[in-house]
C-alpha cells in the first residue's frame, strides 16, 4: 500500500495543476 497507479497519479497532478492555475 502507498504506491499509486499511473492514472491516479496523473489525476492528482492534473488536480494540483488546476488548483495553482487559477
C-alpha atoms as a PDB file:
ATOM      1  CA  UNK A   1       0.000   0.000   0.000  1.00  0.00           C
ATOM      2  CA  UNK A   2       1.183   3.518  -0.713  1.00  0.00           C
ATOM      3  CA  UNK A   3       2.084   3.171  -4.404  1.00  0.00           C
ATOM      4  CA  UNK A   4      -0.395   4.963  -6.634  1.00  0.00           C
ATOM      5  CA  UNK A   5      -1.467   3.680 -10.060  1.00  0.00           C
ATOM      6  CA  UNK A   6      -0.347   5.806 -13.012  1.00  0.00           C
ATOM      7  CA  UNK A   7      -3.833   7.153 -13.806  1.00  0.00           C
ATOM      8  CA  UNK A   8      -4.391   8.068 -10.155  1.00  0.00           C
ATOM      9  CA  UNK A   9      -1.065   9.910 -10.154  1.00  0.00           C
ATOM     10  CA  UNK A  10      -1.950  11.728 -13.370  1.00  0.00           C
ATOM     11  CA  UNK A  11      -5.326  12.700 -11.926  1.00  0.00           C
ATOM     12  CA  UNK A  12      -3.620  14.013  -8.770  1.00  0.00           C
ATOM     13  CA  UNK A  13      -1.176  16.044 -10.880  1.00  0.00           C
ATOM     14  CA  UNK A  14      -3.983  17.454 -13.038  1.00  0.00           C
ATOM     15  CA  UNK A  15      -5.917  18.368  -9.901  1.00  0.00           C
ATOM     16  CA  UNK A  16      -2.869  20.104  -8.411  1.00  0.00           C
ATOM     17  CA  UNK A  17      -2.274  21.990 -11.673  1.00  0.00           C
ATOM     18  CA  UNK A  18      -5.904  23.115 -11.745  1.00  0.00           C
ATOM     19  CA  UNK A  19      -5.519  24.355  -8.179  1.00  0.00           C
ATOM     20  CA  UNK A  20      -2.489  26.534  -8.933  1.00  0.00           C
ATOM     21  CA  UNK A  21      -3.638  27.607 -12.418  1.00  0.00           C
ATOM     22  CA  UNK A  22      -6.485  29.740 -11.100  1.00  0.00           C
END
